[in-house]
Amino acid sequence: MNQVYAMAPRSEGAAPGGMGGLGPFVPIILIFIIFYFLLIRPQQIKQKKHREMLQNLERGDEVVTNGGIHGTIVRIKEDVVTLKVAEKMEIQVSKSAIAYRKKK
């Protein structure tokens, strides 16, 4: 008789532990929140600052490319920047290849 009672469905309808069906998802939700604030959000902020820096480039700014080339901006077209890297030597690089602008 005890086995039949133990196998009978509960009349309360709740799982043992009181959390219902949300219990297993709480750690996953917490991990996602931690990842968002430690990894995703700072990367989005960094990308936004880089985009703003590229939009605010001006003639005469000293920049460094992703390849490590240092130069001064001579001309800016839509997606192409012409850099003066030495006397009488200019190169064209993609605007997105500029890593950062040096401090003036």
PDB file of N, CA and C in Angstrom:
ATOM      1  N   MET A   1       0.812  -1.183   0.000  1.00  0.00           N
ATOM      2  CA  MET A   1       0.000   0.000   0.000  1.00  0.00           C
ATOM      3  C   MET A   1       0.866   1.262   0.000  1.00  0.00           C
ATOM      4  N   ASN A   2       2.008   1.239   0.643  1.00  0.00           N
ATOM      5  CA  ASN A   2       2.884   2.407   0.682  1.00  0.00           C
ATOM      6  C   ASN A   2       3.453   2.724  -0.693  1.00  0.00           C
ATOM      7  N   GLN A   3       3.709   1.723  -1.521  1.00  0.00           N
ATOM      8  CA  GLN A   3       4.247   1.960  -2.854  1.00  0.00           C
ATOM      9  C   GLN A   3       3.232   2.670  -3.745  1.00  0.00           C
ATOM     10  N   VAL A   4       2.004   2.332  -3.621  1.00  0.00           N
ATOM     11  CA  VAL A   4       0.973   2.957  -4.431  1.00  0.00           C
ATOM     12  C   VAL A   4       0.842   4.418  -4.046  1.00  0.00           C
ATOM     13  N   TYR A   5       0.935   4.724  -2.782  1.00  0.00           N
ATOM     14  CA  TYR A   5       0.833   6.112  -2.313  1.00  0.00           C
ATOM     15  C   TYR A   5       2.028   6.923  -2.785  1.00  0.00           C
ATOM     16  N   ALA A   6       3.214   6.339  -2.767  1.00  0.00           N
ATOM     17  CA  ALA A   6       4.416   7.057  -3.180  1.00  0.00           C
ATOM     18  C   ALA A   6       4.399   7.347  -4.678  1.00  0.00           C
ATOM     19  N   MET A   7       3.770   6.508  -5.477  1.00  0.00           N
ATOM     20  CA  MET A   7       3.737   6.699  -6.918  1.00  0.00           C
ATOM     21  C   MET A   7       2.562   7.549  -7.374  1.00  0.00           C
ATOM     22  N   ALA A   8       1.679   7.876  -6.487  1.00  0.00           N
ATOM     23  CA  ALA A   8       0.511   8.671  -6.861  1.00  0.00           C
ATOM     24  C   ALA A   8       0.934  10.111  -7.148  1.00  0.00           C
ATOM     25  N   PRO A   9       0.282  10.780  -8.123  1.00  0.00           N
ATOM     26  CA  PRO A   9       0.638  12.172  -8.434  1.00  0.00           C
ATOM     27  C   PRO A   9       0.308  13.103  -7.272  1.00  0.00           C
ATOM     28  N   ARG A  10       1.084  14.136  -7.142  1.00  0.00           N
ATOM     29  CA  ARG A  10       0.849  15.095  -6.064  1.00  0.00           C
ATOM     30  C   ARG A  10      -0.341  15.976  -6.424  1.00  0.00           C
ATOM     31  N   SER A  11      -1.121  16.292  -5.432  1.00  0.00           N
ATOM     32  CA  SER A  11      -2.292  17.121  -5.683  1.00  0.00           C
ATOM     33  C   SER A  11      -1.926  18.599  -5.735  1.00  0.00           C
ATOM     34  N   GLU A  12      -0.744  18.979  -5.223  1.00  0.00           N
ATOM     35  CA  GLU A  12      -0.348  20.392  -5.192  1.00  0.00           C
ATOM     36  C   GLU A  12       0.051  20.880  -6.582  1.00  0.00           C
ATOM     37  N   GLY A  13       0.583  20.029  -7.443  1.00  0.00           N
ATOM     38  CA  GLY A  13       0.967  20.411  -8.788  1.00  0.00           C
ATOM     39  C   GLY A  13       2.338  21.059  -8.882  1.00  0.00           C
ATOM     40  N   ALA A  14       3.039  21.224  -7.788  1.00  0.00           N
ATOM     41  CA  ALA A  14       4.365  21.854  -7.804  1.00  0.00           C
ATOM     42  C   ALA A  14       5.437  20.789  -7.676  1.00  0.00           C
ATOM     43  N   ALA A  15       6.557  21.046  -8.276  1.00  0.00           N
ATOM     44  CA  ALA A  15       7.686  20.130  -8.179  1.00  0.00           C
ATOM     45  C   ALA A  15       8.325  20.256  -6.807  1.00  0.00           C
ATOM     46  N   PRO A  16       8.993  19.221  -6.334  1.00  0.00           N
ATOM     47  CA  PRO A  16       9.657  19.338  -5.040  1.00  0.00           C
ATOM     48  C   PRO A  16      10.749  20.398  -5.102  1.00  0.00           C
ATOM     49  N   GLY A  17      10.817  21.220  -4.128  1.00  0.00           N
ATOM     50  CA  GLY A  17      11.796  22.297  -4.091  1.00  0.00           C
ATOM     51  C   GLY A  17      11.128  23.656  -4.180  1.00  0.00           C
ATOM     52  N   GLY A  18       9.908  23.716  -4.635  1.00  0.00           N
ATOM     53  CA  GLY A  18       9.150  24.948  -4.613  1.00  0.00           C
ATOM     54  C   GLY A  18       9.449  25.929  -5.742  1.00  0.00           C
ATOM     55  N   MET A  19      10.402  25.660  -6.665  1.00  0.00           N
ATOM     56  CA  MET A  19      10.745  26.613  -7.711  1.00  0.00           C
ATOM     57  C   MET A  19       9.883  26.422  -8.959  1.00  0.00           C
ATOM     58  N   GLY A  20       9.174  25.327  -9.060  1.00  0.00           N
ATOM     59  CA  GLY A  20       8.377  25.085 -10.248  1.00  0.00           C
ATOM     60  C   GLY A  20       9.271  24.755 -11.427  1.00  0.00           C
ATOM     61  N   GLY A  21       8.918  25.191 -12.629  1.00  0.00           N
ATOM     62  CA  GLY A  21       9.684  24.885 -13.825  1.00  0.00           C
ATOM     63  C   GLY A  21      10.812  25.871 -14.091  1.00  0.00           C
ATOM     64  N   LEU A  22      10.929  26.943 -13.328  1.00  0.00           N
ATOM     65  CA  LEU A  22      11.943  27.973 -13.557  1.00  0.00           C
ATOM     66  C   LEU A  22      13.279  27.636 -12.912  1.00  0.00           C
ATOM     67  N   GLY A  23      13.304  26.736 -11.976  1.00  0.00           N
ATOM     68  CA  GLY A  23      14.504  26.407 -11.209  1.00  0.00           C
ATOM     69  C   GLY A  23      15.745  26.080 -12.015  1.00  0.00           C
ATOM     70  N   PRO A  24      15.666  25.207 -13.009  1.00  0.00           N
ATOM     71  CA  PRO A  24      16.869  24.853 -13.760  1.00  0.00           C
ATOM     72  C   PRO A  24      17.415  26.001 -14.618  1.00  0.00           C
ATOM     73  N   PHE A  25      16.600  26.996 -14.936  1.00  0.00           N
ATOM     74  CA  PHE A  25      17.025  28.081 -15.812  1.00  0.00           C
ATOM     75  C   PHE A  25      17.678  29.249 -15.078  1.00  0.00           C
ATOM     76  N   VAL A  26      17.538  29.321 -13.770  1.00  0.00           N
ATOM     77  CA  VAL A  26      18.107  30.436 -13.003  1.00  0.00           C
ATOM     78  C   VAL A  26      19.619  30.525 -13.156  1.00  0.00           C
ATOM     79  N   PRO A  27      20.390  29.446 -13.048  1.00  0.00           N
ATOM     80  CA  PRO A  27      21.847  29.574 -13.248  1.00  0.00           C
ATOM     81  C   PRO A  27      22.220  30.021 -14.660  1.00  0.00           C
ATOM     82  N   ILE A  28      21.486  29.559 -15.658  1.00  0.00           N
ATOM     83  CA  ILE A  28      21.770  29.953 -17.037  1.00  0.00           C
ATOM     84  C   ILE A  28      21.499  31.442 -17.225  1.00  0.00           C
ATOM     85  N   ILE A  29      20.416  31.929 -16.653  1.00  0.00           N
ATOM     86  CA  ILE A  29      20.084  33.352 -16.747  1.00  0.00           C
ATOM     87  C   ILE A  29      21.146  34.186 -16.045  1.00  0.00           C
ATOM     88  N   LEU A  30      21.593  33.747 -14.876  1.00  0.00           N
ATOM     89  CA  LEU A  30      22.636  34.484 -14.153  1.00  0.00           C
ATOM     90  C   LEU A  30      23.951  34.502 -14.927  1.00  0.00           C
ATOM     91  N   ILE A  31      24.310  33.399 -15.560  1.00  0.00           N
ATOM     92  CA  ILE A  31      25.535  33.348 -16.362  1.00  0.00           C
ATOM     93  C   ILE A  31      25.432  34.308 -17.538  1.00  0.00           C
ATOM     94  N   PHE A  32      24.269  34.356 -18.200  1.00  0.00           N
ATOM     95  CA  PHE A  32      24.092  35.279 -19.317  1.00  0.00           C
ATOM     96  C   PHE A  32      24.227  36.725 -18.854  1.00  0.00           C
ATOM     97  N   ILE A  33      23.659  37.074 -17.719  1.00  0.00           N
ATOM     98  CA  ILE A  33      23.758  38.446 -17.193  1.00  0.00           C
ATOM     99  C   ILE A  33      25.209  38.793 -16.904  1.00  0.00           C
ATOM    100  N   ILE A  34      25.945  37.873 -16.309  1.00  0.00           N
ATOM    101  CA  ILE A  34      27.366  38.113 -16.012  1.00  0.00           C
ATOM    102  C   ILE A  34      28.155  38.294 -17.299  1.00  0.00           C
ATOM    103  N   PHE A  35      27.932  37.432 -18.299  1.00  0.00           N
ATOM    104  CA  PHE A  35      28.621  37.562 -19.580  1.00  0.00           C
ATOM    105  C   PHE A  35      28.295  38.893 -20.248  1.00  0.00           C
ATOM    106  N   TYR A  36      27.040  39.321 -20.155  1.00  0.00           N
ATOM    107  CA  TYR A  36      26.649  40.584 -20.779  1.00  0.00           C
ATOM    108  C   TYR A  36      27.435  41.746 -20.192  1.00  0.00           C
ATOM    109  N   PHE A  37      27.498  41.824 -18.867  1.00  0.00           N
ATOM    110  CA  PHE A  37      28.150  42.972 -18.239  1.00  0.00           C
ATOM    111  C   PHE A  37      29.668  42.878 -18.243  1.00  0.00           C
ATOM    112  N   LEU A  38      30.241  41.689 -18.346  1.00  0.00           N
ATOM    113  CA  LEU A  38      31.696  41.560 -18.342  1.00  0.00           C
ATOM    114  C   LEU A  38      32.306  41.481 -19.739  1.00  0.00           C
ATOM    115  N   LEU A  39      31.559  40.983 -20.731  1.00  0.00           N
ATOM    116  CA  LEU A  39      32.138  40.794 -22.061  1.00  0.00           C
ATOM    117  C   LEU A  39      31.423  41.574 -23.157  1.00  0.00           C
ATOM    118  N   ILE A  40      30.135  41.421 -23.274  1.00  0.00           N
ATOM    119  CA  ILE A  40      29.401  41.972 -24.408  1.00  0.00           C
ATOM    120  C   ILE A  40      29.305  43.494 -24.338  1.00  0.00           C
ATOM    121  N   ARG A  41      28.868  44.035 -23.230  1.00  0.00           N
ATOM    122  CA  ARG A  41      28.676  45.487 -23.108  1.00  0.00           C
ATOM    123  C   ARG A  41      29.976  46.269 -23.262  1.00  0.00           C
ATOM    124  N   PRO A  42      31.079  45.883 -22.600  1.00  0.00           N
ATOM    125  CA  PRO A  42      32.324  46.632 -22.811  1.00  0.00           C
ATOM    126  C   PRO A  42      32.799  46.590 -24.262  1.00  0.00           C
ATOM    127  N   GLN A  43      32.595  45.473 -24.951  1.00  0.00           N
ATOM    128  CA  GLN A  43      32.994  45.392 -26.354  1.00  0.00           C
ATOM    129  C   GLN A  43      32.151  46.318 -27.214  1.00  0.00           C
ATOM    130  N   GLN A  44      30.862  46.419 -26.942  1.00  0.00           N
ATOM    131  CA  GLN A  44      29.994  47.328 -27.690  1.00  0.00           C
ATOM    132  C   GLN A  44      30.415  48.777 -27.477  1.00  0.00           C
ATOM    133  N   ILE A  45      30.784  49.124 -26.245  1.00  0.00           N
ATOM    134  CA  ILE A  45      31.231  50.490 -25.949  1.00  0.00           C
ATOM    135  C   ILE A  45      32.527  50.785 -26.692  1.00  0.00           C
ATOM    136  N   LYS A  46      33.444  49.820 -26.715  1.00  0.00           N
ATOM    137  CA  LYS A  46      34.719  49.999 -27.422  1.00  0.00           C
ATOM    138  C   LYS A  46      34.486  50.191 -28.917  1.00  0.00           C
ATOM    139  N   GLN A  47      33.589  49.409 -29.507  1.00  0.00           N
ATOM    140  CA  GLN A  47      33.284  49.534 -30.934  1.00  0.00           C
ATOM    141  C   GLN A  47      32.657  50.892 -31.237  1.00  0.00           C
ATOM    142  N   LYS A  48      31.798  51.374 -30.357  1.00  0.00           N
ATOM    143  CA  LYS A  48      31.157  52.674 -30.562  1.00  0.00           C
ATOM    144  C   LYS A  48      32.194  53.793 -30.535  1.00  0.00           C
ATOM    145  N   LYS A  49      33.140  53.747 -29.589  1.00  0.00           N
ATOM    146  CA  LYS A  49      34.190  54.762 -29.516  1.00  0.00           C
ATOM    147  C   LYS A  49      35.077  54.729 -30.756  1.00  0.00           C
ATOM    148  N   HIS A  50      35.398  53.535 -31.257  1.00  0.00           N
ATOM    149  CA  HIS A  50      36.232  53.409 -32.451  1.00  0.00           C
ATOM    150  C   HIS A  50      35.504  53.971 -33.669  1.00  0.00           C
ATOM    151  N   ARG A  51      34.202  53.683 -33.807  1.00  0.00           N
ATOM    152  CA  ARG A  51      33.400  54.217 -34.901  1.00  0.00           C
ATOM    153  C   ARG A  51      33.374  55.739 -34.863  1.00  0.00           C
ATOM    154  N   GLU A  52      33.196  56.322 -33.662  1.00  0.00           N
ATOM    155  CA  GLU A  52      33.191  57.776 -33.518  1.00  0.00           C
ATOM    156  C   GLU A  52      34.549  58.364 -33.868  1.00  0.00           C
ATOM    157  N   MET A  53      35.626  57.698 -33.465  1.00  0.00           N
ATOM    158  CA  MET A  53      36.967  58.175 -33.783  1.00  0.00           C
ATOM    159  C   MET A  53      37.176  58.195 -35.294  1.00  0.00           C
ATOM    160  N   LEU A  54      36.727  57.159 -35.997  1.00  0.00           N
ATOM    161  CA  LEU A  54      36.881  57.111 -37.445  1.00  0.00           C
ATOM    162  C   LEU A  54      36.076  58.207 -38.132  1.00  0.00           C
ATOM    163  N   GLN A  55      34.910  58.524 -37.605  1.00  0.00           N
ATOM    164  CA  GLN A  55      34.083  59.575 -38.194  1.00  0.00           C
ATOM    165  C   GLN A  55      34.679  60.962 -37.960  1.00  0.00           C
ATOM    166  N   ASN A  56      35.435  61.138 -36.876  1.00  0.00           N
ATOM    167  CA  ASN A  56      35.978  62.448 -36.531  1.00  0.00           C
ATOM    168  C   ASN A  56      37.421  62.653 -36.992  1.00  0.00           C
ATOM    169  N   LEU A  57      37.929  61.771 -37.857  1.00  0.00           N
ATOM    170  CA  LEU A  57      39.288  61.953 -38.357  1.00  0.00           C
ATOM    171  C   LEU A  57      39.362  63.205 -39.225  1.00  0.00           C
ATOM    172  N   GLU A  58      40.475  63.923 -39.097  1.00  0.00           N
ATOM    173  CA  GLU A  58      40.669  65.148 -39.861  1.00  0.00           C
ATOM    174  C   GLU A  58      42.038  65.136 -40.506  1.00  0.00           C
ATOM    175  N   ARG A  59      42.202  65.991 -41.478  1.00  0.00           N
ATOM    176  CA  ARG A  59      43.488  66.157 -42.147  1.00  0.00           C
ATOM    177  C   ARG A  59      44.507  66.661 -41.121  1.00  0.00           C
ATOM    178  N   GLY A  60      45.683  66.046 -41.099  1.00  0.00           N
ATOM    179  CA  GLY A  60      46.735  66.445 -40.174  1.00  0.00           C
ATOM    180  C   GLY A  60      46.808  65.583 -38.915  1.00  0.00           C
ATOM    181  N   ASP A  61      45.813  64.733 -38.682  1.00  0.00           N
ATOM    182  CA  ASP A  61      45.848  63.840 -37.519  1.00  0.00           C
ATOM    183  C   ASP A  61      46.920  62.775 -37.713  1.00  0.00           C
ATOM    184  N   GLU A  62      47.627  62.469 -36.656  1.00  0.00           N
ATOM    185  CA  GLU A  62      48.596  61.376 -36.688  1.00  0.00           C
ATOM    186  C   GLU A  62      47.892  60.117 -36.203  1.00  0.00           C
ATOM    187  N   VAL A  63      48.000  59.054 -37.018  1.00  0.00           N
ATOM    188  CA  VAL A  63      47.287  57.816 -36.722  1.00  0.00           C
ATOM    189  C   VAL A  63      48.225  56.623 -36.823  1.00  0.00           C
ATOM    190  N   VAL A  64      47.749  55.496 -36.295  1.00  0.00           N
ATOM    191  CA  VAL A  64      48.450  54.224 -36.391  1.00  0.00           C
ATOM    192  C   VAL A  64      47.455  53.218 -36.968  1.00  0.00           C
ATOM    193  N   THR A  65      47.894  52.466 -37.967  1.00  0.00           N
ATOM    194  CA  THR A  65      47.021  51.469 -38.575  1.00  0.00           C
ATOM    195  C   THR A  65      47.093  50.158 -37.795  1.00  0.00           C
ATOM    196  N   ASN A  66      46.207  49.235 -38.150  1.00  0.00           N
ATOM    197  CA  ASN A  66      46.224  47.915 -37.520  1.00  0.00           C
ATOM    198  C   ASN A  66      47.513  47.160 -37.821  1.00  0.00           C
ATOM    199  N   GLY A  67      48.154  47.496 -38.923  1.00  0.00           N
ATOM    200  CA  GLY A  67      49.420  46.859 -39.293  1.00  0.00           C
ATOM    201  C   GLY A  67      50.622  47.492 -38.630  1.00  0.00           C
ATOM    202  N   GLY A  68      50.413  48.562 -37.871  1.00  0.00           N
ATOM    203  CA  GLY A  68      51.504  49.210 -37.155  1.00  0.00           C
ATOM    204  C   GLY A  68      52.158  50.347 -37.917  1.00  0.00           C
ATOM    205  N   ILE A  69      51.567  50.794 -39.006  1.00  0.00           N
ATOM    206  CA  ILE A  69      52.130  51.884 -39.794  1.00  0.00           C
ATOM    207  C   ILE A  69      51.708  53.212 -39.171  1.00  0.00           C
ATOM    208  N   HIS A  70      52.695  54.069 -38.889  1.00  0.00           N
ATOM    209  CA  HIS A  70      52.445  55.397 -38.336  1.00  0.00           C
ATOM    210  C   HIS A  70      52.447  56.392 -39.484  1.00  0.00           C
ATOM    211  N   GLY A  71      51.492  57.301 -39.480  1.00  0.00           N
ATOM    212  CA  GLY A  71      51.455  58.293 -40.535  1.00  0.00           C
ATOM    213  C   GLY A  71      50.556  59.457 -40.189  1.00  0.00           C
ATOM    214  N   THR A  72      50.614  60.468 -41.047  1.00  0.00           N
ATOM    215  CA  THR A  72      49.800  61.666 -40.896  1.00  0.00           C
ATOM    216  C   THR A  72      48.788  61.698 -42.035  1.00  0.00           C
ATOM    217  N   ILE A  73      47.550  62.018 -41.717  1.00  0.00           N
ATOM    218  CA  ILE A  73      46.491  62.026 -42.719  1.00  0.00           C
ATOM    219  C   ILE A  73      46.690  63.219 -43.654  1.00  0.00           C
ATOM    220  N   VAL A  74      46.709  62.915 -44.967  1.00  0.00           N
ATOM    221  CA  VAL A  74      46.841  63.949 -45.990  1.00  0.00           C
ATOM    222  C   VAL A  74      45.488  64.207 -46.641  1.00  0.00           C
ATOM    223  N   ARG A  75      44.782  63.143 -47.005  1.00  0.00           N
ATOM    224  CA  ARG A  75      43.478  63.245 -47.634  1.00  0.00           C
ATOM    225  C   ARG A  75      42.555  62.185 -47.045  1.00  0.00           C
ATOM    226  N   ILE A  76      41.271  62.537 -47.015  1.00  0.00           N
ATOM    227  CA  ILE A  76      40.258  61.584 -46.559  1.00  0.00           C
ATOM    228  C   ILE A  76      39.164  61.534 -47.609  1.00  0.00           C
ATOM    229  N   LYS A  77      38.941  60.354 -48.156  1.00  0.00           N
ATOM    230  CA  LYS A  77      37.797  60.128 -49.032  1.00  0.00           C
ATOM    231  C   LYS A  77      36.782  59.347 -48.205  1.00  0.00           C
ATOM    232  N   GLU A  78      35.776  58.846 -48.850  1.00  0.00           N
ATOM    233  CA  GLU A  78      34.708  58.174 -48.112  1.00  0.00           C
ATOM    234  C   GLU A  78      35.222  57.011 -47.264  1.00  0.00           C
ATOM    235  N   ASP A  79      35.888  56.039 -47.890  1.00  0.00           N
ATOM    236  CA  ASP A  79      36.383  54.868 -47.162  1.00  0.00           C
ATOM    237  C   ASP A  79      37.894  54.708 -47.249  1.00  0.00           C
ATOM    238  N   VAL A  80      38.579  55.665 -47.873  1.00  0.00           N
ATOM    239  CA  VAL A  80      40.019  55.566 -48.074  1.00  0.00           C
ATOM    240  C   VAL A  80      40.699  56.785 -47.457  1.00  0.00           C
ATOM    241  N   VAL A  81      41.787  56.520 -46.753  1.00  0.00           N
ATOM    242  CA  VAL A  81      42.567  57.582 -46.137  1.00  0.00           C
ATOM    243  C   VAL A  81      43.976  57.528 -46.722  1.00  0.00           C
ATOM    244  N   THR A  82      44.503  58.686 -47.113  1.00  0.00           N
ATOM    245  CA  THR A  82      45.870  58.756 -47.615  1.00  0.00           C
ATOM    246  C   THR A  82      46.756  59.240 -46.485  1.00  0.00           C
ATOM    247  N   LEU A  83      47.786  58.433 -46.172  1.00  0.00           N
ATOM    248  CA  LEU A  83      48.705  58.739 -45.082  1.00  0.00           C
ATOM    249  C   LEU A  83      50.069  59.109 -45.633  1.00  0.00           C
ATOM    250  N   LYS A  84      50.665  60.122 -45.024  1.00  0.00           N
ATOM    251  CA  LYS A  84      52.046  60.463 -45.329  1.00  0.00           C
ATOM    252  C   LYS A  84      52.898  59.751 -44.291  1.00  0.00           C
ATOM    253  N   VAL A  85      53.708  58.795 -44.760  1.00  0.00           N
ATOM    254  CA  VAL A  85      54.508  58.001 -43.836  1.00  0.00           C
ATOM    255  C   VAL A  85      55.968  58.426 -43.830  1.00  0.00           C
ATOM    256  N   ALA A  86      56.400  59.103 -44.874  1.00  0.00           N
ATOM    257  CA  ALA A  86      57.771  59.615 -44.959  1.00  0.00           C
ATOM    258  C   ALA A  86      57.757  60.772 -45.951  1.00  0.00           C
ATOM    259  N   GLU A  87      58.876  61.442 -46.076  1.00  0.00           N
ATOM    260  CA  GLU A  87      58.979  62.542 -47.028  1.00  0.00           C
ATOM    261  C   GLU A  87      58.753  62.006 -48.440  1.00  0.00           C
ATOM    262  N   LYS A  88      57.814  62.586 -49.160  1.00  0.00           N
ATOM    263  CA  LYS A  88      57.451  62.203 -50.528  1.00  0.00           C
ATOM    264  C   LYS A  88      56.945  60.766 -50.631  1.00  0.00           C
ATOM    265  N   MET A  89      56.416  60.217 -49.555  1.00  0.00           N
ATOM    266  CA  MET A  89      55.860  58.860 -49.602  1.00  0.00           C
ATOM    267  C   MET A  89      54.478  58.864 -48.946  1.00  0.00           C
ATOM    268  N   GLU A  90      53.477  58.567 -49.746  1.00  0.00           N
ATOM    269  CA  GLU A  90      52.107  58.505 -49.263  1.00  0.00           C
ATOM    270  C   GLU A  90      51.530  57.136 -49.595  1.00  0.00           C
ATOM    271  N   ILE A  91      50.719  56.623 -48.698  1.00  0.00           N
ATOM    272  CA  ILE A  91      50.039  55.349 -48.938  1.00  0.00           C
ATOM    273  C   ILE A  91      48.554  55.523 -48.683  1.00  0.00           C
ATOM    274  N   GLN A  92      47.772  54.709 -49.339  1.00  0.00           N
ATOM    275  CA  GLN A  92      46.333  54.717 -49.124  1.00  0.00           C
ATOM    276  C   GLN A  92      45.955  53.484 -48.317  1.00  0.00           C
ATOM    277  N   VAL A  93      45.167  53.701 -47.283  1.00  0.00           N
ATOM    278  CA  VAL A  93      44.680  52.595 -46.468  1.00  0.00           C
ATOM    279  C   VAL A  93      43.176  52.739 -46.300  1.00  0.00           C
ATOM    280  N   SER A  94      42.556  51.644 -46.035  1.00  0.00           N
ATOM    281  CA  SER A  94      41.129  51.659 -45.754  1.00  0.00           C
ATOM    282  C   SER A  94      40.898  52.381 -44.432  1.00  0.00           C
ATOM    283  N   LYS A  95      39.826  53.131 -44.356  1.00  0.00           N
ATOM    284  CA  LYS A  95      39.523  53.885 -43.138  1.00  0.00           C
ATOM    285  C   LYS A  95      39.355  52.952 -41.938  1.00  0.00           C
ATOM    286  N   SER A  96      38.811  51.772 -42.189  1.00  0.00           N
ATOM    287  CA  SER A  96      38.589  50.828 -41.094  1.00  0.00           C
ATOM    288  C   SER A  96      39.888  50.204 -40.588  1.00  0.00           C
ATOM    289  N   ALA A  97      40.996  50.380 -41.326  1.00  0.00           N
ATOM    290  CA  ALA A  97      42.286  49.824 -40.908  1.00  0.00           C
ATOM    291  C   ALA A  97      43.010  50.712 -39.908  1.00  0.00           C
ATOM    292  N   ILE A  98      42.450  51.868 -39.597  1.00  0.00           N
ATOM    293  CA  ILE A  98      43.090  52.754 -38.638  1.00  0.00           C
ATOM    294  C   ILE A  98      42.726  52.290 -37.232  1.00  0.00           C
ATOM    295  N   ALA A  99      43.754  51.994 -36.446  1.00  0.00           N
ATOM    296  CA  ALA A  99      43.536  51.461 -35.107  1.00  0.00           C
ATOM    297  C   ALA A  99      43.232  52.581 -34.112  1.00  0.00           C
ATOM    298  N   TYR A 100      44.074  53.619 -34.119  1.00  0.00           N
ATOM    299  CA  TYR A 100      43.847  54.716 -33.197  1.00  0.00           C
ATOM    300  C   TYR A 100      44.543  55.984 -33.657  1.00  0.00           C
ATOM    301  N   ARG A 101      44.107  57.087 -33.082  1.00  0.00           N
ATOM    302  CA  ARG A 101      44.683  58.394 -33.370  1.00  0.00           C
ATOM    303  C   ARG A 101      45.622  58.737 -32.229  1.00  0.00           C
ATOM    304  N   LYS A 102      46.809  59.209 -32.569  1.00  0.00           N
ATOM    305  CA  LYS A 102      47.766  59.594 -31.539  1.00  0.00           C
ATOM    306  C   LYS A 102      47.306  60.877 -30.845  1.00  0.00           C
ATOM    307  N   LYS A 103      47.724  61.047 -29.633  1.00  0.00           N
ATOM    308  CA  LYS A 103      47.408  62.270 -28.895  1.00  0.00           C
ATOM    309  C   LYS A 103      48.132  63.443 -29.522  1.00  0.00           C
ATOM    310  N   LYS A 104      47.452  64.570 -29.597  1.00  0.00           N
ATOM    311  CA  LYS A 104      48.077  65.767 -30.177  1.00  0.00           C
ATOM    312  C   LYS A 104      48.940  66.471 -29.169  1.00  0.00           C
TER     313      LYS A 104
END
